[in-house]
Protein backbone atom coordinates (compact mmCIF):
# COMPACT_ATOMS: atom_id res chain seq x y z
CA MET A 1 6.07 -25.22 21.97
CA PRO A 2 7.55 -21.85 22.09
CA ALA A 3 8.36 -20.12 18.96
CA SER A 4 11.95 -20.61 17.48
CA PRO A 5 14.41 -17.60 17.66
CA THR A 6 14.43 -17.70 14.17
CA ALA A 7 10.67 -17.89 13.84
CA ARG A 8 10.62 -15.13 16.16
CA ALA A 9 13.08 -12.71 14.37
CA ILE A 10 11.05 -13.23 11.03
CA ARG A 11 7.56 -12.56 12.87
CA ASN A 12 9.36 -9.42 13.96
CA SER A 13 11.58 -8.08 11.04
CA LEU A 14 8.89 -8.67 8.12
CA PRO A 15 6.54 -6.45 9.87
CA ALA A 16 9.12 -3.74 10.29
CA LEU A 17 10.39 -4.08 6.48
CA SER A 18 6.89 -3.09 5.98
CA ILE A 19 6.63 -0.40 7.43
CA ALA A 20 9.94 0.91 6.30
CA LEU A 21 9.02 0.17 3.01
CA PHE A 22 6.03 2.17 3.42
CA ALA A 23 7.52 5.03 4.99
CA ALA A 24 9.89 4.71 1.84
CA ALA A 25 6.81 4.80 -0.51
CA LEU A 26 5.88 8.49 1.30
CA THR A 27 9.04 9.95 -0.13
CA GLN A 28 8.17 9.30 -3.93
CA PRO A 29 5.63 9.83 -6.33
CA ALA A 30 2.88 6.91 -6.42
CA PHE A 31 2.32 7.63 -10.27
CA TYR A 32 2.50 10.01 -13.49
CA TRP A 33 -0.36 11.86 -15.00
CA GLY A 34 -1.25 13.17 -18.56
CA ASP A 35 -1.96 12.39 -22.49
CA PRO A 36 -0.08 9.33 -23.89
CA GLY A 37 3.00 10.95 -25.23
CA ASP A 38 3.32 13.95 -23.29
CA ARG A 39 6.95 15.12 -22.52
CA ALA A 40 6.33 15.81 -18.73
CA PRO A 41 3.86 14.37 -17.45
CA GLY A 42 2.21 14.94 -13.92
CA ALA A 43 3.42 13.69 -10.81
CA VAL A 44 1.18 12.78 -7.58
CA SER A 45 3.63 12.55 -4.60
CA ALA A 46 2.51 9.15 -2.36
CA PHE A 47 2.41 11.56 1.04
CA ILE A 48 -0.14 14.15 -0.14
CA LEU A 49 -2.09 11.15 -1.43
CA LEU A 50 -1.94 9.48 2.02
CA LEU A 51 -3.17 13.22 3.47
CA GLU A 52 -5.96 13.92 0.38
CA GLY A 53 -6.57 10.43 -0.72
CA TRP A 54 -9.97 9.86 1.44
CA ARG A 55 -11.23 12.71 -0.84
CA GLY A 56 -11.77 9.92 -3.30
CA LEU A 57 -13.92 8.05 -2.10
CA PRO A 58 -17.09 9.25 -2.72
CA ALA A 59 -16.04 9.44 -6.26
CA GLY A 60 -15.21 5.44 -5.47
CA TYR A 61 -11.55 5.66 -5.48
CA LEU A 62 -11.77 3.14 -2.35
CA GLU A 63 -7.83 2.12 -2.61
CA TRP A 64 -7.23 4.74 -0.18
CA LEU A 65 -8.43 2.04 2.51
CA ALA A 66 -5.68 0.41 2.25
CA ASN A 67 -3.50 2.60 4.03
CA PRO A 68 -5.83 2.19 7.41
CA LEU A 69 -6.22 -1.08 7.11
CA LEU A 70 -2.24 -1.69 6.57
CA VAL A 71 -1.99 -0.14 9.93
CA ALA A 72 -4.71 -2.23 11.16
CA THR A 73 -2.90 -5.16 9.87
CA TRP A 74 1.12 -3.80 11.70
CA LEU A 75 -1.38 -3.77 14.91
CA ALA A 76 -3.07 -7.12 14.88
CA ALA A 77 0.76 -8.54 13.80
CA ALA A 78 2.03 -6.67 17.10
CA PHE A 79 -0.42 -8.35 19.38
CA GLU A 80 0.01 -11.43 17.50
CA ARG A 81 -3.10 -11.73 15.74
CA ARG A 82 -2.37 -13.67 12.97
CA VAL A 83 -5.26 -14.38 10.90
CA PRO A 84 -6.25 -11.29 10.88
CA SER A 85 -3.70 -9.25 9.91
CA LEU A 86 -3.19 -11.89 6.89
CA VAL A 87 -7.21 -10.91 5.76
CA GLY A 88 -6.12 -7.62 6.06
CA ALA A 89 -2.91 -7.81 4.37
CA GLY A 90 -4.44 -9.74 1.72
CA VAL A 91 -7.72 -7.09 1.40
CA ALA A 92 -4.92 -4.17 1.73
CA THR A 93 -3.31 -5.77 -1.31
CA LEU A 94 -6.01 -5.94 -3.58
CA LEU A 95 -7.05 -2.94 -2.85
CA MET A 96 -3.71 -1.77 -4.30
CA LEU A 97 -3.96 -3.56 -7.64
CA VAL A 98 -7.24 -1.94 -7.93
CA PHE A 99 -5.64 1.01 -9.06
CA PRO A 100 -3.17 0.41 -11.88
CA ALA A 101 -6.27 -1.34 -13.22
CA ARG A 102 -8.11 2.08 -13.70
CA GLY A 103 -6.02 3.31 -16.30
CA SER A 104 -7.16 7.18 -14.73
CA ALA A 105 -6.80 9.05 -11.84
CA LEU A 106 -8.59 11.08 -10.06
CA VAL A 107 -6.19 14.10 -9.58
CA LEU A 108 -6.79 15.39 -6.23
CA HIS A 109 -5.39 19.20 -7.10
CA SER A 110 -7.76 19.22 -10.26
CA GLY A 111 -10.53 17.34 -9.33
CA MET A 112 -10.21 16.00 -12.70
CA THR A 113 -9.78 12.48 -13.77
CA GLN A 114 -6.65 12.07 -16.14
CA HIS A 115 -4.47 9.53 -17.99
CA LEU A 116 -2.67 7.29 -15.43
CA ALA A 117 0.22 7.78 -17.57
CA SER A 118 2.79 5.89 -15.39
CA LEU A 119 3.22 4.16 -12.06
CA GLY A 120 5.86 6.25 -9.45
CA ALA A 121 8.14 4.26 -6.82
CA GLY A 122 5.86 5.01 -3.86
CA TYR A 123 3.27 2.94 -5.27
CA TRP A 124 5.77 -0.39 -5.92
CA LEU A 125 6.77 0.38 -2.31
CA TRP A 126 3.38 0.91 -1.12
CA LEU A 127 2.61 -2.62 -2.92
CA GLY A 128 5.74 -4.03 -1.56
CA SER A 129 4.96 -2.86 2.19
CA ALA A 130 1.40 -4.55 1.84
CA LEU A 131 3.02 -7.87 0.07
CA THR A 132 5.45 -8.24 2.95
CA MET A 133 2.84 -8.38 5.32
CA VAL A 134 1.21 -11.11 3.52
CA VAL A 135 4.42 -12.80 3.43
CA ALA A 136 4.69 -12.70 7.40
CA GLN A 137 1.50 -13.54 8.19
CA LEU A 138 1.79 -16.88 5.43
CA ARG A 139 4.97 -17.61 7.85
CA THR A 140 4.06 -17.28 11.09
CA THR A 141 0.43 -19.14 10.42
CA SER A 142 1.93 -21.73 9.01
CA ARG A 143 4.28 -22.68 12.22
């Protein structure tokens, strides 16, 4: 049975929203670093993390892998490969959730680990992008 117009609209709009959230995340700080009580914690751009975050992989910062995994999720959804897209979005979400649990972050330009003072809008938009794909694929696989 062909998909209803509503199902097609959801299938098309939620991945587009996910991509838009990801793009918006790149314009924002991903996190702030510094010691507790710092009056002016350092900010780290989400766009710089996208470009240079792979350098943290050897140090065990596997969270960056959520980025290519999310792209693969979008492609799988575009080709209506719903289960691989759902699994990819779920794994990407889990990788993203590891970051705040660390309590510290490798500040790439200094090469030092710093206390994670707070999460920025870029992090929340990034996470929202993956969660949107989870919802999109749950919606379409249940039909």
